[in-house]
Amino acid sequence: MKDLVFEQIIRIRDSGKTNMFDKNMVQRLAYEQGFYELVIYLEEHTKEYIHFIMYGTEE
């Protein structure tokens, strides 16, 4: 995971606007905020994203 994607995940999380397991809402919020790298990452690396949210580490 790129540092930029990590930072974008943290910014979405810190906003408190969604449950981070709601991938579709995370993706929508990312799109609205211009976090296009995260939008693409969620499409291509769902398994890795969920692992990161659950354990705080990369797979």
Protein backbone atom coordinates (compact mmCIF):
# COMPACT_ATOMS: atom_id res chain seq x y z
CA MET A 1 0.00 0.00 0.00
CA LYS A 2 1.36 3.38 -0.96
CA ASP A 3 1.83 6.01 1.72
CA LEU A 4 -0.67 8.22 -0.10
CA VAL A 5 -3.39 5.55 0.03
CA PHE A 6 -2.64 4.94 3.71
CA GLU A 7 -3.00 8.67 4.44
CA GLN A 8 -6.27 8.80 2.53
CA ILE A 9 -7.68 5.85 4.49
CA ILE A 10 -6.73 7.56 7.74
CA ARG A 11 -8.35 10.83 6.66
CA ILE A 12 -11.62 9.03 5.80
CA ARG A 13 -11.47 7.16 9.13
CA ASP A 14 -10.78 10.31 11.12
CA SER A 15 -13.73 12.09 9.50
CA GLY A 16 -16.06 9.69 11.35
CA LYS A 17 -18.53 9.77 8.46
CA THR A 18 -18.73 6.01 7.90
CA ASN A 19 -18.00 2.59 9.22
CA MET A 20 -14.72 1.65 7.56
CA PHE A 21 -16.08 -1.80 6.73
CA ASP A 22 -18.66 -0.15 4.44
CA LYS A 23 -16.33 -0.24 1.46
CA ASN A 24 -18.86 1.35 -0.88
CA MET A 25 -19.34 4.37 1.38
CA VAL A 26 -15.59 4.69 1.95
CA GLN A 27 -15.17 4.66 -1.82
CA ARG A 28 -17.89 7.28 -2.27
CA LEU A 29 -16.37 9.58 0.36
CA ALA A 30 -12.94 9.09 -1.20
CA TYR A 31 -14.31 10.07 -4.61
CA GLU A 32 -16.06 13.14 -3.18
CA GLN A 33 -12.78 14.25 -1.56
CA GLY A 34 -10.71 13.65 -4.68
CA PHE A 35 -8.89 10.63 -3.24
CA TYR A 36 -8.86 8.82 -6.59
CA GLU A 37 -5.91 6.63 -5.65
CA LEU A 38 -7.99 5.21 -2.79
CA VAL A 39 -11.02 4.73 -5.06
CA ILE A 40 -8.91 2.61 -7.41
CA TYR A 41 -7.18 0.79 -4.55
CA LEU A 42 -10.53 -0.27 -3.08
CA GLU A 43 -11.59 -1.70 -6.44
CA GLU A 44 -8.36 -3.60 -7.05
CA HIS A 45 -7.31 -4.59 -3.50
CA THR A 46 -10.45 -5.21 -1.45
CA LYS A 47 -8.95 -8.16 0.44
CA GLU A 48 -5.86 -6.17 1.43
CA TYR A 49 -7.99 -3.20 2.48
CA ILE A 50 -10.20 -5.32 4.77
CA HIS A 51 -7.11 -6.95 6.30
CA PHE A 52 -5.66 -3.51 6.99
CA ILE A 53 -8.90 -2.30 8.61
CA MET A 54 -9.15 -5.42 10.78
CA TYR A 55 -5.52 -5.76 11.87
CA GLY A 56 -3.85 -2.41 11.17
CA THR A 57 -1.15 -4.09 9.11
CA GLU A 58 -0.63 -4.95 5.49
CA GLU A 59 -1.08 -8.53 4.46
